[in-house]
Protein backbone atom coordinates (compact mmCIF):
# COMPACT_ATOMS: atom_id res chain seq x y z
CA UNK A 1 0.00 -0.01 0.00
CA UNK A 2 1.24 3.20 -0.94
CA UNK A 3 4.91 3.45 -0.69
CA UNK A 4 7.63 5.83 -0.96
CA UNK A 5 7.23 9.37 0.10
CA UNK A 6 10.64 8.93 1.62
CA UNK A 7 11.90 9.19 -1.93
CA UNK A 8 11.87 12.94 -1.57
CA UNK A 9 15.10 12.43 0.27
CA UNK A 10 16.73 12.81 -3.10
CA UNK A 11 15.62 16.43 -3.03
CA UNK A 12 17.14 17.02 0.40
CA UNK A 13 20.78 17.90 -0.11
CA UNK A 14 20.90 18.97 3.53
CA UNK A 15 18.66 18.96 6.54
CA UNK A 16 16.66 22.12 7.00
CA UNK A 17 17.23 24.06 10.18
CA UNK A 18 13.52 23.92 11.01
CA UNK A 19 13.24 20.23 10.22
CA UNK A 20 13.38 17.92 7.23
CA UNK A 21 12.29 19.02 3.80
CA UNK A 22 8.93 17.90 2.41
CA UNK A 23 8.47 14.10 2.30
CA UNK A 24 11.79 13.19 3.91
CA UNK A 25 10.12 11.30 6.78
CA UNK A 26 8.36 8.81 4.52
CA UNK A 27 4.74 7.66 4.99
CA UNK A 28 3.27 5.35 7.61
CA UNK A 29 2.97 1.65 6.84
CA UNK A 30 -0.15 -0.33 7.71
CA UNK A 31 1.89 -1.58 10.68
CA UNK A 32 2.58 2.00 11.82
CA UNK A 33 6.36 2.27 11.16
CA UNK A 34 7.76 4.83 8.70
CA UNK A 35 8.48 3.61 5.20
CA UNK A 36 6.14 2.56 2.40
CA UNK A 37 2.57 1.45 2.83
CA UNK A 38 3.39 -2.24 2.96
CA UNK A 39 6.95 -2.37 4.23
CA UNK A 40 9.00 -0.48 6.85
CA UNK A 41 12.10 1.31 5.63
CA UNK A 42 15.32 2.34 7.34
CA UNK A 43 14.01 5.93 7.40
CA UNK A 44 12.93 7.52 10.67
CA UNK A 45 9.54 9.20 10.42
CA UNK A 46 8.50 12.81 11.18
CA UNK A 47 10.00 16.17 10.18
CA UNK A 48 12.57 16.13 13.02
CA UNK A 49 16.29 16.09 12.36
CA UNK A 50 19.30 15.50 14.64
CA UNK A 51 18.73 16.75 18.18
CA UNK A 52 15.00 17.24 17.63
CA UNK A 53 11.75 15.52 18.61
CA UNK A 54 9.17 14.83 15.93
CA UNK A 55 5.82 13.13 15.51
CA UNK A 56 3.49 11.79 12.81
CA UNK A 57 -0.15 10.74 12.64
CA UNK A 58 -1.82 8.79 9.87
CA UNK A 59 -5.20 7.54 8.70
CA UNK A 60 -5.39 4.85 6.01
CA UNK A 61 -8.04 2.75 4.31
CA UNK A 62 -8.08 -0.23 1.93
CA UNK A 63 -11.10 -1.25 -0.09
CA UNK A 64 -10.82 -4.58 -1.96
CA UNK A 65 -13.45 -6.59 -3.75
CA UNK A 66 -14.73 -8.21 -0.54
CA UNK A 67 -13.02 -6.59 2.46
CA UNK A 68 -12.47 -3.18 4.07
CA UNK A 69 -9.50 -2.26 6.24
CA UNK A 70 -9.07 0.90 8.28
CA UNK A 71 -5.85 1.78 10.06
CA UNK A 72 -4.72 4.75 12.12
CA UNK A 73 -1.82 5.52 14.38
CA UNK A 74 0.92 7.84 15.54
CA UNK A 75 4.67 7.79 15.94
CA UNK A 76 7.25 9.69 17.97
CA UNK A 77 10.84 10.19 16.76
CA UNK A 78 14.01 11.46 18.39
CA UNK A 79 17.28 12.68 16.89
CA UNK A 80 16.50 11.08 13.49
CA UNK A 81 17.69 7.91 15.19
CA UNK A 82 14.84 6.31 17.19
CA UNK A 83 11.17 5.85 16.33
CA UNK A 84 8.33 4.61 18.55
CA UNK A 85 5.02 3.87 16.85
CA UNK A 86 1.52 2.72 17.75
CA UNK A 87 -1.14 1.60 15.24
CA UNK A 88 -4.62 0.14 15.24
CA UNK A 89 -6.11 -1.96 12.44
CA UNK A 90 -9.77 -2.90 11.86
CA UNK A 91 -10.69 -5.33 9.07
CA UNK A 92 -14.39 -5.48 8.21
CA UNK A 93 -14.97 -9.03 6.95
CA UNK A 94 -18.65 -8.41 6.16
CA UNK A 95 -20.28 -11.73 5.27
CA UNK A 96 -17.13 -13.22 3.78
CA UNK A 97 -16.59 -15.59 6.72
CA UNK A 98 -20.05 -17.12 6.33
CA UNK A 99 -18.41 -20.49 5.46
CA UNK A 100 -17.32 -20.53 9.14
CA UNK A 101 -20.75 -19.46 10.36
CA UNK A 102 -19.58 -15.89 11.03
CA UNK A 103 -21.13 -12.72 9.62
CA UNK A 104 -20.45 -9.05 10.30
CA UNK A 105 -17.10 -9.89 11.88
CA UNK A 106 -14.39 -7.28 12.53
CA UNK A 107 -10.80 -8.46 12.94
CA UNK A 108 -8.78 -5.96 14.97
CA UNK A 109 -5.11 -5.58 15.84
CA UNK A 110 -2.94 -3.29 17.99
CA UNK A 111 0.72 -2.84 17.01
CA UNK A 112 3.54 -1.33 19.05
CA UNK A 113 6.72 -0.64 17.08
CA UNK A 114 10.30 0.37 17.81
CA UNK A 115 12.89 1.22 15.17
CA UNK A 116 16.54 2.25 15.60
CA UNK A 117 18.79 3.57 12.84
CA UNK A 118 21.99 1.55 13.05
CA UNK A 119 24.23 3.15 10.43
CA UNK A 120 24.32 5.24 7.28
CA UNK A 121 22.37 8.29 6.16
CA UNK A 122 20.16 8.07 3.08
CA UNK A 123 20.99 11.64 2.02
CA UNK A 124 24.57 12.15 3.14
CA UNK A 125 25.65 8.73 1.87
CA UNK A 126 23.81 8.98 -1.44
CA UNK A 127 27.10 9.24 -3.37
CA UNK A 128 28.55 6.13 -1.71
CA UNK A 129 27.64 2.45 -1.62
CA UNK A 130 26.54 2.73 2.01
CA UNK A 131 22.76 2.38 2.59
CA UNK A 132 20.91 3.58 5.62
CA UNK A 133 20.33 0.61 7.96
CA UNK A 134 17.71 0.22 10.69
CA UNK A 135 16.57 -2.55 13.02
CA UNK A 136 12.96 -2.73 14.15
CA UNK A 137 10.54 -4.66 16.34
CA UNK A 138 6.76 -4.90 15.95
CA UNK A 139 4.74 -6.41 18.78
CA UNK A 140 1.22 -7.27 17.64
CA UNK A 141 -1.90 -8.40 19.48
CA UNK A 142 -4.92 -9.44 17.50
CA UNK A 143 -8.61 -9.58 18.43
CA UNK A 144 -10.40 -12.00 16.10
CA UNK A 145 -13.74 -11.87 17.93
CA UNK A 146 -15.79 -15.04 17.47
CA UNK A 147 -13.19 -16.36 15.04
CA UNK A 148 -10.72 -16.54 17.93
CA UNK A 149 -12.20 -19.80 19.13
CA UNK A 150 -11.27 -21.34 15.77
CA UNK A 151 -7.88 -19.66 15.46
CA UNK A 152 -6.49 -19.97 18.99
CA UNK A 153 -9.13 -20.29 21.68
CA UNK A 154 -8.22 -21.03 25.28
CA UNK A 155 -5.94 -23.98 24.51
CA UNK A 156 -4.44 -23.16 21.16
CA UNK A 157 -7.63 -23.73 19.15
CA UNK A 158 -8.05 -26.21 16.30
CA UNK A 159 -5.74 -24.14 14.09
CA UNK A 160 -3.03 -23.82 16.72
CA UNK A 161 -2.46 -20.06 16.26
CA UNK A 162 -1.55 -17.54 18.96
CA UNK A 163 -3.26 -14.22 19.67
CA UNK A 164 -0.05 -12.22 19.86
CA UNK A 165 3.43 -12.24 18.35
CA UNK A 166 6.55 -10.16 17.80
CA UNK A 167 8.27 -9.50 14.48
CA UNK A 168 11.84 -8.33 13.96
CA UNK A 169 13.07 -6.70 10.76
CA UNK A 170 16.23 -5.28 9.21
CA UNK A 171 15.81 -2.58 6.57
CA UNK A 172 18.34 -1.13 4.11
CA UNK A 173 17.37 2.02 2.18
CA UNK A 174 19.60 3.21 -0.67
CA UNK A 175 19.13 6.52 -2.40
CA UNK A 176 20.49 6.92 -5.93
CA UNK A 177 20.51 10.70 -6.14
CA UNK A 178 21.41 11.13 -9.80
CA UNK A 179 18.71 8.70 -10.94
CA UNK A 180 16.07 10.00 -8.53
CA UNK A 181 15.55 6.42 -7.31
CA UNK A 182 15.09 4.99 -3.84
CA UNK A 183 15.48 1.23 -3.28
CA UNK A 184 14.57 -0.48 0.00
CA UNK A 185 15.07 -4.09 1.03
CA UNK A 186 13.55 -5.33 4.28
CA UNK A 187 14.01 -8.79 5.80
CA UNK A 188 11.25 -9.57 8.29
CA UNK A 189 11.29 -12.44 10.77
CA UNK A 190 7.64 -13.30 11.26
CA UNK A 191 5.00 -15.97 11.83
CA UNK A 192 2.03 -13.60 11.38
CA UNK A 193 -1.04 -14.77 9.48
CA UNK A 194 -2.42 -12.05 7.19
CA UNK A 195 -0.13 -9.56 8.93
CA UNK A 196 -1.35 -10.77 12.34
CA UNK A 197 -5.10 -10.24 11.83
CA UNK A 198 -5.51 -14.07 11.84
CA UNK A 199 -3.09 -14.59 14.69
CA UNK A 200 0.43 -15.98 14.67
CA UNK A 201 1.79 -19.37 13.72
CA UNK A 202 -0.37 -22.50 13.50
CA UNK A 203 -0.37 -26.24 13.90
CA UNK A 204 1.75 -26.60 10.75
CA UNK A 205 3.96 -23.58 11.47
CA UNK A 206 7.74 -23.89 11.52
CA UNK A 207 8.09 -20.84 13.73
CA UNK A 208 9.68 -17.60 12.67
CA UNK A 209 10.46 -17.37 8.96
CA UNK A 210 12.48 -14.63 7.24
CA UNK A 211 10.41 -12.98 4.48
CA UNK A 212 11.82 -10.47 1.94
CA UNK A 213 10.12 -7.14 1.12
CA UNK A 214 11.18 -4.86 -1.74
CA UNK A 215 10.21 -1.26 -2.47
CA UNK A 216 11.16 0.93 -5.47
CA UNK A 217 10.26 4.59 -5.81
CA UNK A 218 10.95 7.15 -8.53
CA UNK A 219 10.64 10.89 -8.00
CA UNK A 220 8.83 12.69 -10.81
CA UNK A 221 9.39 16.07 -9.16
CA UNK A 222 10.15 17.30 -5.64
CA UNK A 223 6.57 16.69 -4.50
CA UNK A 224 5.39 13.71 -6.59
CA UNK A 225 6.56 10.08 -6.51
CA UNK A 226 5.50 6.80 -8.10
CA UNK A 227 6.63 3.28 -7.37
CA UNK A 228 5.83 -0.25 -6.32
CA UNK A 229 6.19 -2.59 -3.37
CA UNK A 230 6.26 -6.35 -2.86
CA UNK A 231 5.90 -8.12 0.51
CA UNK A 232 6.37 -11.88 0.88
CA UNK A 233 4.38 -13.58 3.65
CA UNK A 234 4.46 -16.96 5.44
CA UNK A 235 1.70 -19.49 4.81
CA UNK A 236 1.12 -21.11 8.20
CA UNK A 237 -2.55 -22.06 7.86
CA UNK A 238 -2.73 -23.52 4.35
CA UNK A 239 -2.98 -27.09 5.72
CA UNK A 240 -5.36 -26.22 8.53
CA UNK A 241 -8.19 -28.18 10.11
CA UNK A 242 -10.54 -26.31 7.74
CA UNK A 243 -9.06 -28.21 4.81
CA UNK A 244 -6.03 -27.88 2.54
CA UNK A 245 -5.88 -24.42 1.01
CA UNK A 246 -8.85 -23.05 2.97
CA UNK A 247 -6.66 -20.38 4.57
CA UNK A 248 -3.89 -20.23 2.00
CA UNK A 249 -2.01 -16.91 2.19
CA UNK A 250 -0.62 -14.96 -0.78
CA UNK A 251 2.06 -12.31 -1.01
CA UNK A 252 1.10 -8.62 -1.24
CA UNK A 253 1.88 -6.10 -4.00
CA UNK A 254 1.08 -2.46 -4.77
CA UNK A 255 1.75 0.34 -7.24
CA UNK A 256 1.32 3.87 -5.95
CA UNK A 257 1.40 7.59 -6.53
CA UNK A 258 2.22 9.94 -3.65
CA UNK A 259 1.99 13.70 -3.38
CA UNK A 260 3.16 16.14 -0.70
CA UNK A 261 1.65 19.63 -1.03
CA UNK A 262 4.00 20.67 1.80
CA UNK A 263 6.54 19.10 4.14
CA UNK A 264 3.94 18.39 6.82
CA UNK A 265 1.26 16.71 4.73
CA UNK A 266 1.43 13.70 2.41
CA UNK A 267 -1.33 11.98 0.43
CA UNK A 268 -0.99 8.54 -1.10
CA UNK A 269 -3.13 6.54 -3.52
CA UNK A 270 -2.36 2.98 -4.62
CA UNK A 271 -3.65 -0.07 -6.44
CA UNK A 272 -3.19 -3.08 -4.20
CA UNK A 273 -3.24 -6.84 -4.77
CA UNK A 274 -3.58 -8.79 -1.52
CA UNK A 275 -4.16 -12.18 -3.16
CA UNK A 276 -6.75 -14.53 -1.70
CA UNK A 277 -8.08 -13.85 1.78
CA UNK A 278 -10.02 -17.03 2.52
CA UNK A 279 -12.52 -18.29 3.29
CA UNK A 280 -14.49 -15.72 1.33
CA UNK A 281 -17.97 -16.66 0.21
CA UNK A 282 -16.71 -16.26 -3.36
CA UNK A 283 -12.92 -16.84 -3.15
CA UNK A 284 -11.20 -14.45 -5.56
CA UNK A 285 -8.21 -12.18 -5.87
CA UNK A 286 -8.53 -9.30 -3.45
CA UNK A 287 -7.50 -6.31 -5.55
CA UNK A 288 -8.56 -2.77 -4.79
CA UNK A 289 -7.57 0.76 -3.76
CA UNK A 290 -5.54 2.08 -0.85
CA UNK A 291 -5.62 5.70 0.30
CA UNK A 292 -3.69 7.34 3.14
CA UNK A 293 -3.08 10.75 4.66
CA UNK A 294 -0.20 11.56 7.00
CA UNK A 295 0.73 14.69 8.92
CA UNK A 296 4.30 15.13 10.19
CA UNK A 297 5.88 17.56 12.67
């Protein structure tokens, strides 16, 4: 979901005395950390630079063929080095879980994130081979409502999932200034099902698995960017008690356009492909539109 406002880093030849230039803090991911819409980057969010405090707030929505997701959150940053984020997700499943006898269900999740920049500077190192590197943690707790008895329940449930889990990720963001291109690679250790909305792990799970995530962004001008993201995901529930393939999980993909009318406001629109989110009443590819607004200080 909409990536890459951090690409405006290629317009920032230096940090402004009153904070970063427009777009240099990136957008907020669906998990709450700064980066693209799908994947966290090594960038630290907000308009704050070295020695300053900063903050962001975001509101995002995804509308696919059968599902609706709303997400909102906020993040606090210090010294362009540390970022603490908090996000809330709410997936409206409508009647798509009717095969499980569930209608009108909302799957909810709270996410607490911490990111630390380890080395490099996306702007200052843009003429070297050194990327900006950051290490992050995302602690997630899901509320699956009536579906929880199937997913995890009081003793692990028939699917053997857990209601909470922690992910760890390492991100490398490389700015190619002359080409106006930003490349990010994130490696995420996770056992989350559908990002955590369907719990963590399962009876067939092999525990934490490292999943790659790739983002590419191209700056059309100092306030407009286009690009794409890909996020690989584990498939812990494909051989569940509901039958082989009933909860098969696909990777995520998006293409986006992002615009920043000023350095404090960013707007993002994307086409997203979330694959199959079973067990829908009419299983089909969940493609649709993502929109997000972020304010940064």
